[in-house]
């Protein structure tokens, strides 16, 4: 079976996000942390959905949603860092998010290019 790098990377990102969310809850941060958790775990959820798509159009749509969720996660991460709710080194999470975002950007561009060529 072929390895699906973007699925694996998105799962790793979700695991990191869950750990960060737990830290945020322990520091009594409930609002931004929930938005952060939702967007960061939605990335992988949509990638997994895309993997079971019935059409190329559905696949492209789900991957596009994942890409948008990655960008939203970057926004919530900035706010959490600014709020200084927890004492943590964000580098590993940031690097993983950047890697997933780059993979998704490439997938979305390729999907839309193929869709355009096929019409």
PDB file of N, CA and C in Angstrom:
ATOM      1  N   UNK A   1       0.842  -1.184   0.000  1.00  0.00           N
ATOM      2  CA  UNK A   1       0.000   0.000   0.000  1.00  0.00           C
ATOM      3  C   UNK A   1       0.885   1.245   0.000  1.00  0.00           C
ATOM      4  N   UNK A   2       0.527   2.193  -0.812  1.00  0.00           N
ATOM      5  CA  UNK A   2       1.307   3.415  -0.956  1.00  0.00           C
ATOM      6  C   UNK A   2       1.130   4.333   0.257  1.00  0.00           C
ATOM      7  N   UNK A   3       2.248   4.892   0.721  1.00  0.00           N
ATOM      8  CA  UNK A   3       2.212   5.822   1.852  1.00  0.00           C
ATOM      9  C   UNK A   3       1.551   7.129   1.424  1.00  0.00           C
ATOM     10  N   UNK A   4       0.703   7.654   2.272  1.00  0.00           N
ATOM     11  CA  UNK A   4       0.070   8.935   2.004  1.00  0.00           C
ATOM     12  C   UNK A   4       0.673   9.951   2.983  1.00  0.00           C
ATOM     13  N   UNK A   5       1.666  10.665   2.504  1.00  0.00           N
ATOM     14  CA  UNK A   5       2.434  11.583   3.354  1.00  0.00           C
ATOM     15  C   UNK A   5       1.555  12.659   3.972  1.00  0.00           C
ATOM     16  N   UNK A   6       0.666  13.249   3.190  1.00  0.00           N
ATOM     17  CA  UNK A   6      -0.150  14.348   3.720  1.00  0.00           C
ATOM     18  C   UNK A   6      -1.098  13.842   4.815  1.00  0.00           C
ATOM     19  N   UNK A   7      -1.594  12.616   4.678  1.00  0.00           N
ATOM     20  CA  UNK A   7      -2.434  12.047   5.738  1.00  0.00           C
ATOM     21  C   UNK A   7      -1.617  11.847   7.012  1.00  0.00           C
ATOM     22  N   UNK A   8      -0.420  11.282   6.859  1.00  0.00           N
ATOM     23  CA  UNK A   8       0.438  11.047   8.019  1.00  0.00           C
ATOM     24  C   UNK A   8       0.826  12.348   8.710  1.00  0.00           C
ATOM     25  N   UNK A   9       1.214  13.334   7.918  1.00  0.00           N
ATOM     26  CA  UNK A   9       1.635  14.625   8.476  1.00  0.00           C
ATOM     27  C   UNK A   9       0.464  15.329   9.156  1.00  0.00           C
ATOM     28  N   UNK A  10      -0.728  15.214   8.585  1.00  0.00           N
ATOM     29  CA  UNK A  10      -1.893  15.872   9.198  1.00  0.00           C
ATOM     30  C   UNK A  10      -2.268  15.191  10.512  1.00  0.00           C
ATOM     31  N   UNK A  11      -2.095  13.871  10.585  1.00  0.00           N
ATOM     32  CA  UNK A  11      -2.350  13.168  11.846  1.00  0.00           C
ATOM     33  C   UNK A  11      -1.362  13.618  12.922  1.00  0.00           C
ATOM     34  N   UNK A  12      -0.088  13.686  12.557  1.00  0.00           N
ATOM     35  CA  UNK A  12       0.930  14.156  13.501  1.00  0.00           C
ATOM     36  C   UNK A  12       0.594  15.571  13.988  1.00  0.00           C
ATOM     37  N   UNK A  13       0.154  16.413  13.068  1.00  0.00           N
ATOM     38  CA  UNK A  13      -0.229  17.777  13.429  1.00  0.00           C
ATOM     39  C   UNK A  13      -1.408  17.762  14.409  1.00  0.00           C
ATOM     40  N   UNK A  14      -2.380  16.916  14.146  1.00  0.00           N
ATOM     41  CA  UNK A  14      -3.541  16.814  15.042  1.00  0.00           C
ATOM     42  C   UNK A  14      -3.133  16.349  16.432  1.00  0.00           C
ATOM     43  N   UNK A  15      -2.222  15.381  16.494  1.00  0.00           N
ATOM     44  CA  UNK A  15      -1.753  14.902  17.802  1.00  0.00           C
ATOM     45  C   UNK A  15      -1.074  16.034  18.576  1.00  0.00           C
ATOM     46  N   UNK A  16      -0.255  16.812  17.881  1.00  0.00           N
ATOM     47  CA  UNK A  16       0.401  17.959  18.524  1.00  0.00           C
ATOM     48  C   UNK A  16      -0.636  18.974  18.993  1.00  0.00           C
ATOM     49  N   UNK A  17      -1.629  19.230  18.148  1.00  0.00           N
ATOM     50  CA  UNK A  17      -2.667  20.211  18.488  1.00  0.00           C
ATOM     51  C   UNK A  17      -3.456  19.769  19.724  1.00  0.00           C
ATOM     52  N   UNK A  18      -3.734  18.478  19.832  1.00  0.00           N
ATOM     53  CA  UNK A  18      -4.454  17.955  20.999  1.00  0.00           C
ATOM     54  C   UNK A  18      -3.631  18.184  22.269  1.00  0.00           C
ATOM     55  N   UNK A  19      -2.342  17.933  22.197  1.00  0.00           N
ATOM     56  CA  UNK A  19      -1.472  18.167  23.355  1.00  0.00           C
ATOM     57  C   UNK A  19      -1.446  19.651  23.735  1.00  0.00           C
ATOM     58  N   UNK A  20      -1.375  20.522  22.732  1.00  0.00           N
ATOM     59  CA  UNK A  20      -1.391  21.968  22.995  1.00  0.00           C
ATOM     60  C   UNK A  20      -2.727  22.372  23.609  1.00  0.00           C
ATOM     61  N   UNK A  21      -3.808  21.829  23.074  1.00  0.00           N
ATOM     62  CA  UNK A  21      -5.145  22.120  23.595  1.00  0.00           C
ATOM     63  C   UNK A  21      -5.243  21.747  25.074  1.00  0.00           C
ATOM     64  N   UNK A  22      -4.715  20.594  25.433  1.00  0.00           N
ATOM     65  CA  UNK A  22      -4.737  20.169  26.841  1.00  0.00           C
ATOM     66  C   UNK A  22      -3.959  21.150  27.722  1.00  0.00           C
ATOM     67  N   UNK A  23      -2.821  21.620  27.222  1.00  0.00           N
ATOM     68  CA  UNK A  23      -2.042  22.619  27.973  1.00  0.00           C
ATOM     69  C   UNK A  23      -2.841  23.910  28.146  1.00  0.00           C
ATOM     70  N   UNK A  24      -3.520  24.313  27.084  1.00  0.00           N
ATOM     71  CA  UNK A  24      -4.312  25.545  27.143  1.00  0.00           C
ATOM     72  C   UNK A  24      -5.463  25.412  28.134  1.00  0.00           C
ATOM     73  N   UNK A  25      -6.118  24.271  28.140  1.00  0.00           N
ATOM     74  CA  UNK A  25      -7.207  24.049  29.105  1.00  0.00           C
ATOM     75  C   UNK A  25      -6.684  24.089  30.532  1.00  0.00           C
ATOM     76  N   UNK A  26      -5.506  23.502  30.743  1.00  0.00           N
ATOM     77  CA  UNK A  26      -4.901  23.502  32.076  1.00  0.00           C
ATOM     78  C   UNK A  26      -4.571  24.917  32.539  1.00  0.00           C
ATOM     79  N   UNK A  27      -4.375  25.830  31.580  1.00  0.00           N
ATOM     80  CA  UNK A  27      -4.094  27.224  31.940  1.00  0.00           C
ATOM     81  C   UNK A  27      -5.367  28.078  31.871  1.00  0.00           C
ATOM     82  N   UNK A  28      -6.513  27.409  31.837  1.00  0.00           N
ATOM     83  CA  UNK A  28      -7.830  28.062  31.847  1.00  0.00           C
ATOM     84  C   UNK A  28      -8.113  28.916  30.611  1.00  0.00           C
ATOM     85  N   UNK A  29      -7.591  28.525  29.462  1.00  0.00           N
ATOM     86  CA  UNK A  29      -7.915  29.206  28.209  1.00  0.00           C
ATOM     87  C   UNK A  29      -8.897  28.303  27.464  1.00  0.00           C
ATOM     88  N   UNK A  30     -10.130  28.776  27.292  1.00  0.00           N
ATOM     89  CA  UNK A  30     -11.190  27.933  26.746  1.00  0.00           C
ATOM     90  C   UNK A  30     -11.730  28.384  25.397  1.00  0.00           C
ATOM     91  N   UNK A  31     -11.573  29.623  25.045  1.00  0.00           N
ATOM     92  CA  UNK A  31     -12.207  30.153  23.839  1.00  0.00           C
ATOM     93  C   UNK A  31     -11.323  29.960  22.603  1.00  0.00           C
ATOM     94  N   UNK A  32     -10.151  30.584  22.592  1.00  0.00           N
ATOM     95  CA  UNK A  32      -9.254  30.469  21.447  1.00  0.00           C
ATOM     96  C   UNK A  32      -8.798  29.022  21.255  1.00  0.00           C
ATOM     97  N   UNK A  33      -8.593  28.329  22.360  1.00  0.00           N
ATOM     98  CA  UNK A  33      -8.108  26.950  22.278  1.00  0.00           C
ATOM     99  C   UNK A  33      -9.090  26.049  21.535  1.00  0.00           C
ATOM    100  N   UNK A  34     -10.375  26.277  21.730  1.00  0.00           N
ATOM    101  CA  UNK A  34     -11.381  25.454  21.055  1.00  0.00           C
ATOM    102  C   UNK A  34     -11.363  25.710  19.548  1.00  0.00           C
ATOM    103  N   UNK A  35     -11.237  26.972  19.155  1.00  0.00           N
ATOM    104  CA  UNK A  35     -11.148  27.319  17.733  1.00  0.00           C
ATOM    105  C   UNK A  35      -9.895  26.691  17.122  1.00  0.00           C
ATOM    106  N   UNK A  36      -8.798  26.785  17.856  1.00  0.00           N
ATOM    107  CA  UNK A  36      -7.523  26.217  17.428  1.00  0.00           C
ATOM    108  C   UNK A  36      -7.658  24.707  17.215  1.00  0.00           C
ATOM    109  N   UNK A  37      -8.256  24.010  18.183  1.00  0.00           N
ATOM    110  CA  UNK A  37      -8.410  22.560  18.087  1.00  0.00           C
ATOM    111  C   UNK A  37      -9.303  22.186  16.905  1.00  0.00           C
ATOM    112  N   UNK A  38     -10.405  22.896  16.738  1.00  0.00           N
ATOM    113  CA  UNK A  38     -11.332  22.593  15.642  1.00  0.00           C
ATOM    114  C   UNK A  38     -10.664  22.744  14.282  1.00  0.00           C
ATOM    115  N   UNK A  39      -9.991  23.860  14.071  1.00  0.00           N
ATOM    116  CA  UNK A  39      -9.390  24.080  12.752  1.00  0.00           C
ATOM    117  C   UNK A  39      -8.220  23.129  12.503  1.00  0.00           C
ATOM    118  N   UNK A  40      -7.396  22.899  13.519  1.00  0.00           N
ATOM    119  CA  UNK A  40      -6.216  22.054  13.324  1.00  0.00           C
ATOM    120  C   UNK A  40      -6.579  20.591  13.084  1.00  0.00           C
ATOM    121  N   UNK A  41      -7.617  20.100  13.732  1.00  0.00           N
ATOM    122  CA  UNK A  41      -8.017  18.707  13.512  1.00  0.00           C
ATOM    123  C   UNK A  41      -8.888  18.555  12.271  1.00  0.00           C
ATOM    124  N   UNK A  42      -9.507  19.633  11.842  1.00  0.00           N
ATOM    125  CA  UNK A  42     -10.310  19.608  10.624  1.00  0.00           C
ATOM    126  C   UNK A  42      -9.444  19.413   9.382  1.00  0.00           C
ATOM    127  N   UNK A  43      -8.190  19.835   9.463  1.00  0.00           N
ATOM    128  CA  UNK A  43      -7.270  19.651   8.335  1.00  0.00           C
ATOM    129  C   UNK A  43      -7.219  18.164   7.971  1.00  0.00           C
ATOM    130  N   UNK A  44      -6.882  17.348   8.946  1.00  0.00           N
ATOM    131  CA  UNK A  44      -6.775  15.907   8.706  1.00  0.00           C
ATOM    132  C   UNK A  44      -8.107  15.260   8.392  1.00  0.00           C
ATOM    133  N   UNK A  45      -9.168  15.707   9.040  1.00  0.00           N
ATOM    134  CA  UNK A  45     -10.487  15.127   8.779  1.00  0.00           C
ATOM    135  C   UNK A  45     -10.870  15.286   7.311  1.00  0.00           C
ATOM    136  N   UNK A  46     -10.617  16.458   6.757  1.00  0.00           N
ATOM    137  CA  UNK A  46     -10.952  16.689   5.348  1.00  0.00           C
ATOM    138  C   UNK A  46     -10.017  15.942   4.407  1.00  0.00           C
ATOM    139  N   UNK A  47      -8.768  15.778   4.802  1.00  0.00           N
ATOM    140  CA  UNK A  47      -7.835  14.984   3.991  1.00  0.00           C
ATOM    141  C   UNK A  47      -8.300  13.527   3.959  1.00  0.00           C
ATOM    142  N   UNK A  48      -8.716  13.005   5.103  1.00  0.00           N
ATOM    143  CA  UNK A  48      -9.209  11.630   5.146  1.00  0.00           C
ATOM    144  C   UNK A  48     -10.478  11.483   4.316  1.00  0.00           C
ATOM    145  N   UNK A  49     -11.359  12.491   4.372  1.00  0.00           N
ATOM    146  CA  UNK A  49     -12.562  12.463   3.537  1.00  0.00           C
ATOM    147  C   UNK A  49     -12.198  12.493   2.065  1.00  0.00           C
ATOM    148  N   UNK A  50     -11.233  13.313   1.705  1.00  0.00           N
ATOM    149  CA  UNK A  50     -10.812  13.430   0.301  1.00  0.00           C
ATOM    150  C   UNK A  50     -10.308  12.090  -0.214  1.00  0.00           C
ATOM    151  N   UNK A  51      -9.659  11.339   0.652  1.00  0.00           N
ATOM    152  CA  UNK A  51      -9.110  10.047   0.267  1.00  0.00           C
ATOM    153  C   UNK A  51     -10.215   9.079  -0.179  1.00  0.00           C
ATOM    154  N   UNK A  52     -11.416   9.299   0.287  1.00  0.00           N
ATOM    155  CA  UNK A  52     -12.541   8.442  -0.103  1.00  0.00           C
ATOM    156  C   UNK A  52     -13.483   9.104  -1.082  1.00  0.00           C
ATOM    157  N   UNK A  53     -13.010  10.113  -1.778  1.00  0.00           N
ATOM    158  CA  UNK A  53     -13.854  10.870  -2.711  1.00  0.00           C
ATOM    159  C   UNK A  53     -14.350  10.021  -3.869  1.00  0.00           C
ATOM    160  N   UNK A  54     -15.536  10.382  -4.349  1.00  0.00           N
ATOM    161  CA  UNK A  54     -16.131   9.695  -5.484  1.00  0.00           C
ATOM    162  C   UNK A  54     -15.708  10.300  -6.816  1.00  0.00           C
ATOM    163  N   UNK A  55     -15.215  11.536  -6.770  1.00  0.00           N
ATOM    164  CA  UNK A  55     -14.828  12.210  -8.011  1.00  0.00           C
ATOM    165  C   UNK A  55     -13.604  13.081  -7.776  1.00  0.00           C
ATOM    166  N   UNK A  56     -12.973  13.478  -8.869  1.00  0.00           N
ATOM    167  CA  UNK A  56     -11.825  14.381  -8.784  1.00  0.00           C
ATOM    168  C   UNK A  56     -12.259  15.745  -8.257  1.00  0.00           C
ATOM    169  N   UNK A  57     -13.462  16.154  -8.621  1.00  0.00           N
ATOM    170  CA  UNK A  57     -13.983  17.447  -8.161  1.00  0.00           C
ATOM    171  C   UNK A  57     -14.188  17.436  -6.645  1.00  0.00           C
ATOM    172  N   UNK A  58     -14.739  16.351  -6.120  1.00  0.00           N
ATOM    173  CA  UNK A  58     -14.938  16.223  -4.676  1.00  0.00           C
ATOM    174  C   UNK A  58     -13.585  16.191  -3.954  1.00  0.00           C
ATOM    175  N   UNK A  59     -12.631  15.467  -4.528  1.00  0.00           N
ATOM    176  CA  UNK A  59     -11.290  15.407  -3.964  1.00  0.00           C
ATOM    177  C   UNK A  59     -10.684  16.806  -3.876  1.00  0.00           C
ATOM    178  N   UNK A  60     -10.748  17.544  -4.969  1.00  0.00           N
ATOM    179  CA  UNK A  60     -10.186  18.902  -5.006  1.00  0.00           C
ATOM    180  C   UNK A  60     -10.875  19.802  -3.990  1.00  0.00           C
ATOM    181  N   UNK A  61     -12.170  19.659  -3.847  1.00  0.00           N
ATOM    182  CA  UNK A  61     -12.927  20.476  -2.900  1.00  0.00           C
ATOM    183  C   UNK A  61     -12.506  20.197  -1.457  1.00  0.00           C
ATOM    184  N   UNK A  62     -12.390  18.926  -1.102  1.00  0.00           N
ATOM    185  CA  UNK A  62     -11.996  18.562   0.270  1.00  0.00           C
ATOM    186  C   UNK A  62     -10.564  19.013   0.575  1.00  0.00           C
ATOM    187  N   UNK A  63      -9.687  18.856  -0.389  1.00  0.00           N
ATOM    188  CA  UNK A  63      -8.302  19.295  -0.183  1.00  0.00           C
ATOM    189  C   UNK A  63      -8.236  20.823  -0.069  1.00  0.00           C
ATOM    190  N   UNK A  64      -9.063  21.512  -0.808  1.00  0.00           N
ATOM    191  CA  UNK A  64      -9.121  22.967  -0.720  1.00  0.00           C
ATOM    192  C   UNK A  64      -9.609  23.400   0.667  1.00  0.00           C
ATOM    193  N   UNK A  65     -10.598  22.704   1.193  1.00  0.00           N
ATOM    194  CA  UNK A  65     -11.085  22.990   2.550  1.00  0.00           C
ATOM    195  C   UNK A  65      -9.966  22.747   3.557  1.00  0.00           C
ATOM    196  N   UNK A  66      -9.224  21.663   3.402  1.00  0.00           N
ATOM    197  CA  UNK A  66      -8.094  21.371   4.294  1.00  0.00           C
ATOM    198  C   UNK A  66      -7.064  22.492   4.262  1.00  0.00           C
ATOM    199  N   UNK A  67      -6.787  22.982   3.070  1.00  0.00           N
ATOM    200  CA  UNK A  67      -5.829  24.082   2.912  1.00  0.00           C
ATOM    201  C   UNK A  67      -6.307  25.333   3.646  1.00  0.00           C
ATOM    202  N   UNK A  68      -7.585  25.628   3.532  1.00  0.00           N
ATOM    203  CA  UNK A  68      -8.153  26.795   4.226  1.00  0.00           C
ATOM    204  C   UNK A  68      -8.106  26.612   5.737  1.00  0.00           C
ATOM    205  N   UNK A  69      -8.364  25.393   6.193  1.00  0.00           N
ATOM    206  CA  UNK A  69      -8.302  25.114   7.628  1.00  0.00           C
ATOM    207  C   UNK A  69      -6.870  25.264   8.144  1.00  0.00           C
ATOM    208  N   UNK A  70      -5.889  24.914   7.327  1.00  0.00           N
ATOM    209  CA  UNK A  70      -4.483  25.083   7.721  1.00  0.00           C
ATOM    210  C   UNK A  70      -4.170  26.564   7.896  1.00  0.00           C
ATOM    211  N   UNK A  71      -4.675  27.375   6.996  1.00  0.00           N
ATOM    212  CA  UNK A  71      -4.460  28.828   7.104  1.00  0.00           C
ATOM    213  C   UNK A  71      -5.176  29.400   8.326  1.00  0.00           C
ATOM    214  N   UNK A  72      -6.369  28.886   8.610  1.00  0.00           N
ATOM    215  CA  UNK A  72      -7.091  29.325   9.808  1.00  0.00           C
ATOM    216  C   UNK A  72      -6.332  28.911  11.070  1.00  0.00           C
ATOM    217  N   UNK A  73      -5.772  27.723  11.064  1.00  0.00           N
ATOM    218  CA  UNK A  73      -4.986  27.253  12.204  1.00  0.00           C
ATOM    219  C   UNK A  73      -3.798  28.170  12.451  1.00  0.00           C
ATOM    220  N   UNK A  74      -3.163  28.627  11.379  1.00  0.00           N
ATOM    221  CA  UNK A  74      -2.040  29.571  11.519  1.00  0.00           C
ATOM    222  C   UNK A  74      -2.509  30.844  12.225  1.00  0.00           C
ATOM    223  N   UNK A  75      -3.697  31.302  11.892  1.00  0.00           N
ATOM    224  CA  UNK A  75      -4.257  32.502  12.527  1.00  0.00           C
ATOM    225  C   UNK A  75      -4.458  32.295  14.034  1.00  0.00           C
ATOM    226  N   UNK A  76      -5.102  31.179  14.404  1.00  0.00           N
ATOM    227  CA  UNK A  76      -5.349  30.922  15.823  1.00  0.00           C
ATOM    228  C   UNK A  76      -4.042  30.727  16.587  1.00  0.00           C
ATOM    229  N   UNK A  77      -3.057  30.133  15.921  1.00  0.00           N
ATOM    230  CA  UNK A  77      -1.745  29.947  16.542  1.00  0.00           C
ATOM    231  C   UNK A  77      -1.106  31.294  16.856  1.00  0.00           C
ATOM    232  N   UNK A  78      -1.204  32.223  15.928  1.00  0.00           N
ATOM    233  CA  UNK A  78      -0.656  33.573  16.155  1.00  0.00           C
ATOM    234  C   UNK A  78      -1.321  34.207  17.379  1.00  0.00           C
ATOM    235  N   UNK A  79      -2.638  34.101  17.461  1.00  0.00           N
ATOM    236  CA  UNK A  79      -3.357  34.698  18.595  1.00  0.00           C
ATOM    237  C   UNK A  79      -2.974  34.024  19.918  1.00  0.00           C
ATOM    238  N   UNK A  80      -2.826  32.717  19.900  1.00  0.00           N
ATOM    239  CA  UNK A  80      -2.435  32.011  21.126  1.00  0.00           C
ATOM    240  C   UNK A  80      -1.028  32.403  21.566  1.00  0.00           C
ATOM    241  N   UNK A  81      -0.134  32.541  20.599  1.00  0.00           N
ATOM    242  CA  UNK A  81       1.230  32.987  20.932  1.00  0.00           C
ATOM    243  C   UNK A  81       1.192  34.396  21.502  1.00  0.00           C
ATOM    244  N   UNK A  82       0.424  35.270  20.862  1.00  0.00           N
ATOM    245  CA  UNK A  82       0.320  36.661  21.301  1.00  0.00           C
ATOM    246  C   UNK A  82      -0.230  36.736  22.724  1.00  0.00           C
ATOM    247  N   UNK A  83      -1.236  35.897  22.999  1.00  0.00           N
ATOM    248  CA  UNK A  83      -1.850  35.890  24.326  1.00  0.00           C
ATOM    249  C   UNK A  83      -0.949  35.303  25.400  1.00  0.00           C
ATOM    250  N   UNK A  84       0.100  34.595  24.988  1.00  0.00           N
ATOM    251  CA  UNK A  84       1.069  34.027  25.921  1.00  0.00           C
ATOM    252  C   UNK A  84       0.388  33.225  27.036  1.00  0.00           C
ATOM    253  N   UNK A  85      -0.581  32.399  26.622  1.00  0.00           N
ATOM    254  CA  UNK A  85      -1.359  31.612  27.588  1.00  0.00           C
ATOM    255  C   UNK A  85      -0.558  30.464  28.194  1.00  0.00           C
ATOM    256  N   UNK A  86       0.373  29.925  27.400  1.00  0.00           N
ATOM    257  CA  UNK A  86       1.193  28.817  27.882  1.00  0.00           C
ATOM    258  C   UNK A  86       2.654  29.090  27.537  1.00  0.00           C
ATOM    259  N   UNK A  87       3.507  28.526  28.348  1.00  0.00           N
ATOM    260  CA  UNK A  87       4.938  28.649  28.107  1.00  0.00           C
ATOM    261  C   UNK A  87       5.372  27.428  27.303  1.00  0.00           C
ATOM    262  N   UNK A  88       5.566  27.631  26.007  1.00  0.00           N
ATOM    263  CA  UNK A  88       5.895  26.502  25.138  1.00  0.00           C
ATOM    264  C   UNK A  88       6.710  26.981  23.961  1.00  0.00           C
ATOM    265  N   UNK A  89       7.515  26.094  23.447  1.00  0.00           N
ATOM    266  CA  UNK A  89       8.243  26.340  22.206  1.00  0.00           C
ATOM    267  C   UNK A  89       7.336  25.843  21.072  1.00  0.00           C
ATOM    268  N   UNK A  90       6.885  26.745  20.232  1.00  0.00           N
ATOM    269  CA  UNK A  90       5.935  26.435  19.165  1.00  0.00           C
ATOM    270  C   UNK A  90       6.611  25.944  17.885  1.00  0.00           C
ATOM    271  N   UNK A  91       7.942  25.890  17.864  1.00  0.00           N
ATOM    272  CA  UNK A  91       8.674  25.627  16.623  1.00  0.00           C
ATOM    273  C   UNK A  91       8.264  24.315  15.945  1.00  0.00           C
ATOM    274  N   UNK A  92       8.164  23.251  16.694  1.00  0.00           N
ATOM    275  CA  UNK A  92       7.812  21.952  16.100  1.00  0.00           C
ATOM    276  C   UNK A  92       6.411  22.001  15.478  1.00  0.00           C
ATOM    277  N   UNK A  93       5.465  22.585  16.192  1.00  0.00           N
ATOM    278  CA  UNK A  93       4.109  22.696  15.653  1.00  0.00           C
ATOM    279  C   UNK A  93       4.110  23.582  14.409  1.00  0.00           C
ATOM    280  N   UNK A  94       4.774  24.725  14.487  1.00  0.00           N
ATOM    281  CA  UNK A  94       4.833  25.642  13.347  1.00  0.00           C
ATOM    282  C   UNK A  94       5.433  24.970  12.117  1.00  0.00           C
ATOM    283  N   UNK A  95       6.510  24.226  12.307  1.00  0.00           N
ATOM    284  CA  UNK A  95       7.156  23.534  11.197  1.00  0.00           C
ATOM    285  C   UNK A  95       6.234  22.490  10.574  1.00  0.00           C
ATOM    286  N   UNK A  96       5.537  21.752  11.424  1.00  0.00           N
ATOM    287  CA  UNK A  96       4.610  20.730  10.929  1.00  0.00           C
ATOM    288  C   UNK A  96       3.451  21.373  10.175  1.00  0.00           C
ATOM    289  N   UNK A  97       2.923  22.457  10.721  1.00  0.00           N
ATOM    290  CA  UNK A  97       1.824  23.164  10.053  1.00  0.00           C
ATOM    291  C   UNK A  97       2.286  23.708   8.707  1.00  0.00           C
ATOM    292  N   UNK A  98       3.469  24.259   8.655  1.00  0.00           N
ATOM    293  CA  UNK A  98       4.006  24.787   7.398  1.00  0.00           C
ATOM    294  C   UNK A  98       4.176  23.667   6.377  1.00  0.00           C
ATOM    295  N   UNK A  99       4.685  22.542   6.811  1.00  0.00           N
ATOM    296  CA  UNK A  99       4.886  21.409   5.910  1.00  0.00           C
ATOM    297  C   UNK A  99       3.552  20.912   5.345  1.00  0.00           C
ATOM    298  N   UNK A 100       2.554  20.767   6.204  1.00  0.00           N
ATOM    299  CA  UNK A 100       1.231  20.321   5.761  1.00  0.00           C
ATOM    300  C   UNK A 100       0.620  21.353   4.810  1.00  0.00           C
ATOM    301  N   UNK A 101       0.761  22.630   5.142  1.00  0.00           N
ATOM    302  CA  UNK A 101       0.223  23.696   4.293  1.00  0.00           C
ATOM    303  C   UNK A 101       0.858  23.665   2.906  1.00  0.00           C
ATOM    304  N   UNK A 102       2.160  23.479   2.846  1.00  0.00           N
ATOM    305  CA  UNK A 102       2.852  23.409   1.550  1.00  0.00           C
ATOM    306  C   UNK A 102       2.373  22.203   0.735  1.00  0.00           C
ATOM    307  N   UNK A 103       2.234  21.059   1.388  1.00  0.00           N
ATOM    308  CA  UNK A 103       1.746  19.865   0.695  1.00  0.00           C
ATOM    309  C   UNK A 103       0.336  20.099   0.151  1.00  0.00           C
ATOM    310  N   UNK A 104      -0.520  20.680   0.975  1.00  0.00           N
ATOM    311  CA  UNK A 104      -1.893  20.942   0.543  1.00  0.00           C
ATOM    312  C   UNK A 104      -1.949  21.953  -0.595  1.00  0.00           C
ATOM    313  N   UNK A 105      -1.125  22.985  -0.525  1.00  0.00           N
ATOM    314  CA  UNK A 105      -1.086  23.982  -1.592  1.00  0.00           C
ATOM    315  C   UNK A 105      -0.715  23.322  -2.918  1.00  0.00           C
ATOM    316  N   UNK A 106       0.281  22.450  -2.885  1.00  0.00           N
ATOM    317  CA  UNK A 106       0.706  21.749  -4.100  1.00  0.00           C
ATOM    318  C   UNK A 106      -0.402  20.829  -4.617  1.00  0.00           C
ATOM    319  N   UNK A 107      -1.062  20.118  -3.714  1.00  0.00           N
ATOM    320  CA  UNK A 107      -2.138  19.202  -4.111  1.00  0.00           C
ATOM    321  C   UNK A 107      -3.296  19.978  -4.722  1.00  0.00           C
ATOM    322  N   UNK A 108      -3.679  21.074  -4.089  1.00  0.00           N
ATOM    323  CA  UNK A 108      -4.804  21.878  -4.588  1.00  0.00           C
ATOM    324  C   UNK A 108      -4.471  22.462  -5.962  1.00  0.00           C
ATOM    325  N   UNK A 109      -3.266  22.994  -6.125  1.00  0.00           N
ATOM    326  CA  UNK A 109      -2.867  23.547  -7.421  1.00  0.00           C
ATOM    327  C   UNK A 109      -2.894  22.474  -8.505  1.00  0.00           C
ATOM    328  N   UNK A 110      -2.347  21.306  -8.199  1.00  0.00           N
ATOM    329  CA  UNK A 110      -2.336  20.210  -9.165  1.00  0.00           C
ATOM    330  C   UNK A 110      -3.750  19.765  -9.499  1.00  0.00           C
ATOM    331  N   UNK A 111      -4.601  19.668  -8.485  1.00  0.00           N
ATOM    332  CA  UNK A 111      -5.986  19.238  -8.698  1.00  0.00           C
ATOM    333  C   UNK A 111      -6.736  20.212  -9.594  1.00  0.00           C
ATOM    334  N   UNK A 112      -6.555  21.497  -9.337  1.00  0.00           N
ATOM    335  CA  UNK A 112      -7.252  22.503 -10.140  1.00  0.00           C
ATOM    336  C   UNK A 112      -6.688  22.569 -11.550  1.00  0.00           C
ATOM    337  N   UNK A 113      -5.401  22.356 -11.707  1.00  0.00           N
ATOM    338  CA  UNK A 113      -4.790  22.344 -13.033  1.00  0.00           C
ATOM    339  C   UNK A 113      -5.327  21.181 -13.852  1.00  0.00           C
ATOM    340  N   UNK A 114      -5.398  20.014 -13.235  1.00  0.00           N
ATOM    341  CA  UNK A 114      -5.934  18.829 -13.924  1.00  0.00           C
ATOM    342  C   UNK A 114      -7.404  19.012 -14.281  1.00  0.00           C
ATOM    343  N   UNK A 115      -8.161  19.641 -13.366  1.00  0.00           N
ATOM    344  CA  UNK A 115      -9.574  19.882 -13.622  1.00  0.00           C
ATOM    345  C   UNK A 115      -9.739  20.821 -14.806  1.00  0.00           C
ATOM    346  N   UNK A 116      -8.891  21.854 -14.864  1.00  0.00           N
ATOM    347  CA  UNK A 116      -8.953  22.829 -15.954  1.00  0.00           C
ATOM    348  C   UNK A 116      -8.589  22.169 -17.291  1.00  0.00           C
ATOM    349  N   UNK A 117      -7.573  21.319 -17.279  1.00  0.00           N
ATOM    350  CA  UNK A 117      -7.114  20.652 -18.502  1.00  0.00           C
ATOM    351  C   UNK A 117      -8.181  19.685 -19.009  1.00  0.00           C
ATOM    352  N   UNK A 118      -8.888  19.036 -18.102  1.00  0.00           N
ATOM    353  CA  UNK A 118      -9.904  18.042 -18.499  1.00  0.00           C
ATOM    354  C   UNK A 118     -11.202  18.669 -19.004  1.00  0.00           C
ATOM    355  N   UNK A 119     -11.336  19.984 -18.900  1.00  0.00           N
ATOM    356  CA  UNK A 119     -12.580  20.621 -19.395  1.00  0.00           C
ATOM    357  C   UNK A 119     -12.377  21.274 -20.708  1.00  0.00           C
TER     358      UNK A 119
END
